[in-house]
N, C-alpha and C. Protein backbone atom coordinates (compact mmCIF):
# COMPACT_ATOMS: atom_id res chain seq x y z
N UNK A 1 -13.37 27.00 -37.99
CA UNK A 1 -14.67 26.49 -38.37
C UNK A 1 -14.65 26.34 -39.88
N UNK A 2 -15.16 25.23 -40.35
CA UNK A 2 -15.17 24.98 -41.80
C UNK A 2 -16.25 25.82 -42.48
N UNK A 3 -16.12 25.98 -43.78
CA UNK A 3 -17.10 26.77 -44.53
C UNK A 3 -18.45 26.07 -44.56
N UNK A 4 -18.47 24.72 -44.55
CA UNK A 4 -19.74 23.98 -44.55
C UNK A 4 -20.49 24.23 -43.24
N UNK A 5 -19.79 24.29 -42.14
CA UNK A 5 -20.43 24.56 -40.86
C UNK A 5 -20.92 25.99 -40.80
N UNK A 6 -20.14 26.92 -41.39
CA UNK A 6 -20.53 28.31 -41.40
C UNK A 6 -21.79 28.53 -42.24
N UNK A 7 -21.97 27.76 -43.31
CA UNK A 7 -23.14 27.89 -44.19
C UNK A 7 -24.42 27.45 -43.48
N UNK A 8 -24.32 26.59 -42.45
CA UNK A 8 -25.50 26.09 -41.76
C UNK A 8 -26.00 27.05 -40.68
N UNK A 9 -25.24 28.08 -40.35
CA UNK A 9 -25.64 29.03 -39.33
C UNK A 9 -26.60 30.04 -39.96
N UNK A 10 -27.79 30.22 -39.36
CA UNK A 10 -28.73 31.21 -39.92
C UNK A 10 -28.15 32.61 -39.86
N UNK A 11 -28.50 33.45 -40.87
CA UNK A 11 -27.99 34.81 -40.92
C UNK A 11 -28.49 35.60 -39.71
N UNK A 12 -27.62 36.29 -39.05
CA UNK A 12 -27.98 37.11 -37.90
C UNK A 12 -27.88 36.36 -36.57
N UNK A 13 -27.72 35.03 -36.60
CA UNK A 13 -27.60 34.27 -35.36
C UNK A 13 -26.19 34.46 -34.80
N UNK A 14 -26.06 34.39 -33.48
CA UNK A 14 -24.77 34.53 -32.84
C UNK A 14 -24.36 33.16 -32.29
N UNK A 15 -23.68 32.37 -33.08
CA UNK A 15 -23.29 31.04 -32.62
C UNK A 15 -22.04 31.11 -31.73
N UNK A 16 -22.23 31.44 -30.47
CA UNK A 16 -21.10 31.57 -29.55
C UNK A 16 -20.35 30.26 -29.42
N UNK A 17 -21.07 29.15 -29.53
CA UNK A 17 -20.41 27.85 -29.40
C UNK A 17 -19.45 27.61 -30.56
N UNK A 18 -19.67 28.24 -31.69
CA UNK A 18 -18.84 27.99 -32.86
C UNK A 18 -17.46 28.61 -32.72
N UNK A 19 -17.32 29.67 -31.94
CA UNK A 19 -16.05 30.36 -31.83
C UNK A 19 -15.38 30.15 -30.48
N UNK A 20 -15.94 29.32 -29.65
CA UNK A 20 -15.41 29.08 -28.32
C UNK A 20 -14.22 28.13 -28.39
N UNK A 21 -13.08 28.51 -27.86
CA UNK A 21 -11.93 27.59 -27.88
C UNK A 21 -12.15 26.43 -26.91
N UNK A 22 -11.39 25.34 -27.12
CA UNK A 22 -11.54 24.15 -26.28
C UNK A 22 -11.16 24.45 -24.83
N UNK A 23 -10.15 25.27 -24.62
CA UNK A 23 -9.73 25.65 -23.28
C UNK A 23 -9.82 27.17 -23.20
N UNK A 24 -10.71 27.65 -22.37
CA UNK A 24 -10.90 29.09 -22.24
C UNK A 24 -9.72 29.70 -21.52
N UNK A 25 -9.27 30.86 -21.97
CA UNK A 25 -8.15 31.50 -21.28
C UNK A 25 -8.56 31.97 -19.89
N UNK A 26 -7.67 31.74 -18.93
CA UNK A 26 -7.93 32.18 -17.57
C UNK A 26 -7.51 33.63 -17.41
N UNK A 27 -7.82 34.17 -16.28
CA UNK A 27 -7.36 35.52 -15.98
C UNK A 27 -5.84 35.46 -15.94
N UNK A 28 -5.21 36.28 -16.65
CA UNK A 28 -3.76 36.24 -16.75
C UNK A 28 -3.33 35.76 -18.12
N UNK A 29 -4.27 35.26 -18.93
CA UNK A 29 -4.01 34.97 -20.32
C UNK A 29 -3.50 33.58 -20.68
N UNK A 30 -3.33 32.65 -19.74
CA UNK A 30 -2.81 31.33 -20.09
C UNK A 30 -3.94 30.46 -20.62
N UNK A 31 -3.83 29.97 -21.86
CA UNK A 31 -4.88 29.17 -22.48
C UNK A 31 -4.58 27.68 -22.46
N UNK A 32 -3.30 27.30 -22.35
CA UNK A 32 -2.96 25.88 -22.38
C UNK A 32 -3.06 25.30 -20.96
N UNK A 33 -3.37 24.00 -20.87
CA UNK A 33 -3.43 23.38 -19.54
C UNK A 33 -2.04 23.32 -18.91
N UNK A 34 -1.99 23.30 -17.59
CA UNK A 34 -0.71 23.26 -16.89
C UNK A 34 0.01 21.93 -17.10
N UNK A 35 -0.74 20.85 -17.24
CA UNK A 35 -0.15 19.53 -17.35
C UNK A 35 -0.96 18.70 -18.35
N UNK A 36 -0.26 17.92 -19.13
CA UNK A 36 -0.93 17.03 -20.07
C UNK A 36 -1.76 16.00 -19.30
N UNK A 37 -2.85 15.60 -19.86
CA UNK A 37 -3.73 14.61 -19.21
C UNK A 37 -3.00 13.30 -18.99
N UNK A 38 -2.24 12.85 -19.97
CA UNK A 38 -1.51 11.57 -19.83
C UNK A 38 -0.47 11.64 -18.72
N UNK A 39 0.21 12.76 -18.60
CA UNK A 39 1.19 12.92 -17.53
C UNK A 39 0.52 12.87 -16.17
N UNK A 40 -0.61 13.54 -16.05
CA UNK A 40 -1.35 13.54 -14.79
C UNK A 40 -1.79 12.13 -14.41
N UNK A 41 -2.36 11.39 -15.36
CA UNK A 41 -2.84 10.03 -15.09
C UNK A 41 -1.68 9.12 -14.73
N UNK A 42 -0.54 9.28 -15.42
CA UNK A 42 0.63 8.45 -15.11
C UNK A 42 1.15 8.74 -13.70
N UNK A 43 1.12 10.00 -13.29
CA UNK A 43 1.58 10.34 -11.94
C UNK A 43 0.64 9.76 -10.87
N UNK A 44 -0.65 9.84 -11.10
CA UNK A 44 -1.61 9.28 -10.14
C UNK A 44 -1.46 7.77 -10.06
N UNK A 45 -1.36 7.10 -11.22
CA UNK A 45 -1.21 5.64 -11.22
C UNK A 45 0.08 5.21 -10.53
N UNK A 46 1.17 5.93 -10.78
CA UNK A 46 2.43 5.60 -10.13
C UNK A 46 2.35 5.76 -8.62
N UNK A 47 1.68 6.80 -8.18
CA UNK A 47 1.52 7.02 -6.74
C UNK A 47 0.68 5.93 -6.09
N UNK A 48 -0.37 5.51 -6.79
CA UNK A 48 -1.23 4.45 -6.24
C UNK A 48 -0.50 3.12 -6.18
N UNK A 49 0.35 2.85 -7.17
CA UNK A 49 1.09 1.59 -7.16
C UNK A 49 2.19 1.59 -6.11
N UNK A 50 2.79 2.73 -5.83
CA UNK A 50 3.88 2.80 -4.87
C UNK A 50 3.39 2.90 -3.43
N UNK A 51 2.15 3.30 -3.22
CA UNK A 51 1.64 3.51 -1.85
C UNK A 51 1.69 2.25 -0.99
N UNK A 52 1.25 1.07 -1.48
CA UNK A 52 1.33 -0.11 -0.61
C UNK A 52 2.76 -0.48 -0.24
N UNK A 53 3.71 -0.29 -1.15
CA UNK A 53 5.10 -0.60 -0.83
C UNK A 53 5.63 0.33 0.26
N UNK A 54 5.31 1.59 0.16
CA UNK A 54 5.76 2.54 1.17
C UNK A 54 5.10 2.27 2.52
N UNK A 55 3.82 1.93 2.50
CA UNK A 55 3.12 1.65 3.75
C UNK A 55 3.69 0.41 4.42
N UNK A 56 4.01 -0.61 3.63
CA UNK A 56 4.56 -1.83 4.21
C UNK A 56 5.95 -1.58 4.77
N UNK A 57 6.75 -0.78 4.08
CA UNK A 57 8.11 -0.49 4.56
C UNK A 57 8.06 0.32 5.85
N UNK A 58 7.12 1.22 5.98
CA UNK A 58 7.03 2.04 7.17
C UNK A 58 6.47 1.28 8.35
N UNK A 59 5.64 0.26 8.11
CA UNK A 59 4.96 -0.42 9.19
C UNK A 59 5.66 -1.66 9.71
N UNK A 60 6.93 -1.89 9.38
CA UNK A 60 7.63 -3.08 9.82
C UNK A 60 7.87 -3.02 11.32
N UNK A 61 7.42 -4.06 12.03
CA UNK A 61 7.58 -4.12 13.48
C UNK A 61 8.25 -5.44 13.88
N UNK A 62 8.84 -5.45 15.05
CA UNK A 62 9.50 -6.64 15.59
C UNK A 62 8.93 -6.94 16.96
N UNK A 63 8.64 -8.22 17.22
CA UNK A 63 8.19 -8.65 18.54
C UNK A 63 9.06 -9.81 18.98
N UNK A 64 9.48 -9.76 20.22
CA UNK A 64 10.27 -10.84 20.80
C UNK A 64 9.43 -11.50 21.88
N UNK A 65 9.51 -12.83 21.92
CA UNK A 65 8.77 -13.57 22.94
C UNK A 65 8.94 -15.06 22.75
N UNK A 66 7.96 -15.78 23.28
CA UNK A 66 7.99 -17.26 23.19
C UNK A 66 6.79 -17.73 22.38
N UNK A 67 7.04 -18.75 21.56
CA UNK A 67 5.95 -19.34 20.79
C UNK A 67 5.04 -20.10 21.74
N UNK A 68 3.74 -19.77 21.74
CA UNK A 68 2.80 -20.53 22.57
C UNK A 68 2.33 -21.76 21.82
N UNK A 69 1.86 -21.57 20.59
CA UNK A 69 1.45 -22.70 19.77
C UNK A 69 1.41 -22.30 18.31
N UNK A 70 1.49 -23.31 17.43
CA UNK A 70 1.38 -23.13 15.99
C UNK A 70 0.33 -24.10 15.49
N UNK A 71 -0.58 -23.60 14.67
CA UNK A 71 -1.59 -24.46 14.04
C UNK A 71 -1.80 -23.96 12.61
N UNK A 72 -1.48 -24.79 11.64
CA UNK A 72 -1.63 -24.40 10.24
C UNK A 72 -0.73 -23.22 9.92
N UNK A 73 -1.31 -22.13 9.53
CA UNK A 73 -0.52 -20.95 9.18
C UNK A 73 -0.66 -19.85 10.24
N UNK A 74 -0.93 -20.24 11.48
CA UNK A 74 -1.08 -19.27 12.56
C UNK A 74 -0.15 -19.61 13.71
N UNK A 75 0.53 -18.60 14.21
CA UNK A 75 1.40 -18.72 15.37
C UNK A 75 0.88 -17.77 16.43
N UNK A 76 0.85 -18.22 17.68
CA UNK A 76 0.53 -17.32 18.79
C UNK A 76 1.83 -17.07 19.55
N UNK A 77 2.20 -15.79 19.65
CA UNK A 77 3.43 -15.38 20.29
C UNK A 77 3.09 -14.73 21.64
N UNK A 78 3.73 -15.19 22.70
CA UNK A 78 3.58 -14.58 24.03
C UNK A 78 4.78 -13.67 24.24
N UNK A 79 4.54 -12.37 24.32
CA UNK A 79 5.64 -11.43 24.50
C UNK A 79 6.05 -11.36 25.97
N UNK A 80 7.21 -10.76 26.22
CA UNK A 80 7.71 -10.60 27.59
C UNK A 80 6.86 -9.61 28.38
N UNK A 81 6.08 -8.77 27.68
CA UNK A 81 5.21 -7.81 28.35
C UNK A 81 3.86 -8.42 28.72
N UNK A 82 3.63 -9.68 28.37
CA UNK A 82 2.40 -10.36 28.73
C UNK A 82 1.33 -10.35 27.65
N UNK A 83 1.62 -9.85 26.46
CA UNK A 83 0.66 -9.85 25.37
C UNK A 83 0.71 -11.17 24.63
N UNK A 84 -0.40 -11.53 24.03
CA UNK A 84 -0.43 -12.64 23.08
C UNK A 84 -0.78 -12.06 21.71
N UNK A 85 0.05 -12.37 20.74
CA UNK A 85 -0.12 -11.80 19.40
C UNK A 85 -0.31 -12.94 18.41
N UNK A 86 -1.37 -12.80 17.59
CA UNK A 86 -1.60 -13.77 16.52
C UNK A 86 -0.77 -13.35 15.31
N UNK A 87 -0.02 -14.31 14.75
CA UNK A 87 0.87 -14.05 13.62
C UNK A 87 0.42 -14.92 12.45
N UNK A 88 0.17 -14.29 11.32
CA UNK A 88 -0.16 -15.00 10.08
C UNK A 88 1.15 -15.42 9.43
N UNK A 89 1.34 -16.72 9.21
CA UNK A 89 2.61 -17.24 8.71
C UNK A 89 2.63 -17.47 7.20
N UNK A 90 1.62 -17.04 6.47
CA UNK A 90 1.55 -17.35 5.04
C UNK A 90 2.69 -16.73 4.23
N UNK A 91 3.30 -15.64 4.70
CA UNK A 91 4.41 -15.02 3.98
C UNK A 91 5.78 -15.41 4.54
N UNK A 92 5.80 -16.21 5.59
CA UNK A 92 7.06 -16.63 6.20
C UNK A 92 7.50 -17.94 5.56
N UNK A 93 8.79 -18.05 5.25
CA UNK A 93 9.32 -19.29 4.71
C UNK A 93 9.15 -20.40 5.75
N UNK A 94 8.66 -21.54 5.31
CA UNK A 94 8.34 -22.63 6.24
C UNK A 94 9.57 -23.13 6.99
N UNK A 95 10.73 -23.03 6.41
CA UNK A 95 11.95 -23.49 7.09
C UNK A 95 12.25 -22.65 8.33
N UNK A 96 11.71 -21.44 8.41
CA UNK A 96 11.96 -20.58 9.56
C UNK A 96 11.15 -20.99 10.79
N UNK A 97 10.05 -21.70 10.60
CA UNK A 97 9.25 -22.09 11.76
C UNK A 97 8.98 -23.59 11.85
N UNK A 98 9.52 -24.39 10.94
CA UNK A 98 9.34 -25.84 11.07
C UNK A 98 10.14 -26.34 12.27
N UNK A 99 9.53 -27.21 13.04
CA UNK A 99 10.17 -27.73 14.24
C UNK A 99 10.17 -26.78 15.41
N UNK A 100 9.45 -25.68 15.28
CA UNK A 100 9.37 -24.70 16.36
C UNK A 100 8.39 -25.21 17.41
N UNK A 101 8.86 -25.39 18.63
CA UNK A 101 8.00 -25.91 19.69
C UNK A 101 7.56 -24.82 20.65
N UNK A 102 6.71 -25.19 21.59
CA UNK A 102 6.27 -24.21 22.57
C UNK A 102 7.44 -23.74 23.44
N UNK A 103 7.35 -22.52 23.88
CA UNK A 103 8.32 -21.87 24.77
C UNK A 103 9.68 -21.63 24.13
N UNK A 104 9.80 -21.74 22.84
CA UNK A 104 11.05 -21.40 22.16
C UNK A 104 11.05 -19.89 21.94
N UNK A 105 12.16 -19.25 22.31
CA UNK A 105 12.24 -17.79 22.15
C UNK A 105 12.51 -17.43 20.69
N UNK A 106 11.73 -16.48 20.18
CA UNK A 106 11.84 -16.07 18.79
C UNK A 106 11.66 -14.55 18.68
N UNK A 107 12.11 -14.02 17.54
CA UNK A 107 11.81 -12.64 17.14
C UNK A 107 11.04 -12.74 15.84
N UNK A 108 9.85 -12.15 15.82
CA UNK A 108 9.00 -12.14 14.64
C UNK A 108 9.00 -10.73 14.07
N UNK A 109 9.27 -10.63 12.77
CA UNK A 109 9.14 -9.34 12.10
C UNK A 109 7.98 -9.42 11.14
N UNK A 110 7.26 -8.31 11.00
CA UNK A 110 6.12 -8.29 10.11
C UNK A 110 5.44 -6.94 10.11
N UNK A 111 4.27 -6.90 9.50
CA UNK A 111 3.47 -5.68 9.44
C UNK A 111 2.12 -5.96 10.07
N UNK A 112 1.56 -4.95 10.68
CA UNK A 112 0.25 -5.07 11.30
C UNK A 112 -0.80 -5.08 10.20
N UNK A 113 -1.79 -5.96 10.33
CA UNK A 113 -2.85 -6.06 9.33
C UNK A 113 -3.64 -4.76 9.25
N UNK A 114 -4.39 -4.58 8.16
CA UNK A 114 -5.15 -3.35 7.96
C UNK A 114 -6.14 -3.09 9.09
N UNK A 115 -6.76 -4.17 9.61
CA UNK A 115 -7.73 -3.98 10.69
C UNK A 115 -7.06 -3.94 12.06
N UNK A 116 -5.75 -4.18 12.13
CA UNK A 116 -5.02 -4.08 13.38
C UNK A 116 -5.21 -5.26 14.32
N UNK A 117 -5.80 -6.37 13.85
CA UNK A 117 -6.09 -7.49 14.73
C UNK A 117 -4.99 -8.54 14.79
N UNK A 118 -4.06 -8.54 13.87
CA UNK A 118 -3.01 -9.56 13.86
C UNK A 118 -1.79 -9.02 13.13
N UNK A 119 -0.71 -9.78 13.22
CA UNK A 119 0.54 -9.42 12.57
C UNK A 119 0.74 -10.32 11.36
N UNK A 120 1.06 -9.73 10.23
CA UNK A 120 1.39 -10.50 9.03
C UNK A 120 2.89 -10.73 9.09
N UNK A 121 3.27 -11.96 9.45
CA UNK A 121 4.67 -12.28 9.63
C UNK A 121 5.44 -12.29 8.34
N UNK A 122 6.69 -11.78 8.39
CA UNK A 122 7.58 -11.80 7.23
C UNK A 122 8.80 -12.67 7.49
N UNK A 123 9.24 -12.72 8.75
CA UNK A 123 10.36 -13.60 9.08
C UNK A 123 10.32 -13.95 10.57
N UNK A 124 10.91 -15.10 10.88
CA UNK A 124 11.02 -15.56 12.27
C UNK A 124 12.46 -15.96 12.50
N UNK A 125 13.02 -15.49 13.61
CA UNK A 125 14.39 -15.84 13.95
C UNK A 125 14.41 -16.41 15.36
N UNK A 126 14.99 -17.57 15.52
CA UNK A 126 15.13 -18.17 16.86
C UNK A 126 16.27 -17.49 17.59
N UNK A 127 16.08 -17.27 18.88
CA UNK A 127 17.15 -16.68 19.69
C UNK A 127 17.41 -17.57 20.88
N UNK A 128 18.60 -17.50 21.38
CA UNK A 128 18.97 -18.30 22.55
C UNK A 128 18.79 -17.45 23.79
N UNK A 129 18.14 -18.00 24.78
CA UNK A 129 18.06 -17.29 26.06
C UNK A 129 19.23 -17.71 26.92
N UNK A 130 19.49 -16.95 27.97
CA UNK A 130 20.65 -17.22 28.83
C UNK A 130 20.53 -18.57 29.52
N UNK A 131 19.31 -19.06 29.74
CA UNK A 131 19.12 -20.31 30.48
C UNK A 131 19.30 -21.54 29.59
N UNK A 132 19.36 -21.37 28.26
CA UNK A 132 19.54 -22.53 27.38
C UNK A 132 20.99 -22.94 27.35
N UNK A 133 21.21 -24.23 27.29
CA UNK A 133 22.58 -24.73 27.21
C UNK A 133 23.04 -24.71 25.75
N UNK A 134 24.35 -24.67 25.51
CA UNK A 134 24.87 -24.59 24.14
C UNK A 134 24.63 -25.79 23.31
């Protein structure tokens, strides 16, 4: 505390705030924080930035079936189990699905959307079925 600040305290007053350290010592005597504030913020920011990448890597799924139809950036895939799955093609390279007609067997890889209603396609691969000629 500076001498100018000390001169402003009335005689006999107990200015507890004047002698209070910025970080009060805990039981056990440690007065310094466990981690710097900047380190903590950097760790939180790094975790938040890496979370979507980890979630996308963990959620990669593959579906095999036949293309029912394509319109714009949407593909409807009929699986061998009888499901119809809507696939968003905005992340798929156009060369992978150009010229793709109905009933062509394909494998679609992608991630399930956040709401679980459709598949965000990442790649499409055509496969040959046993009944197709060479």
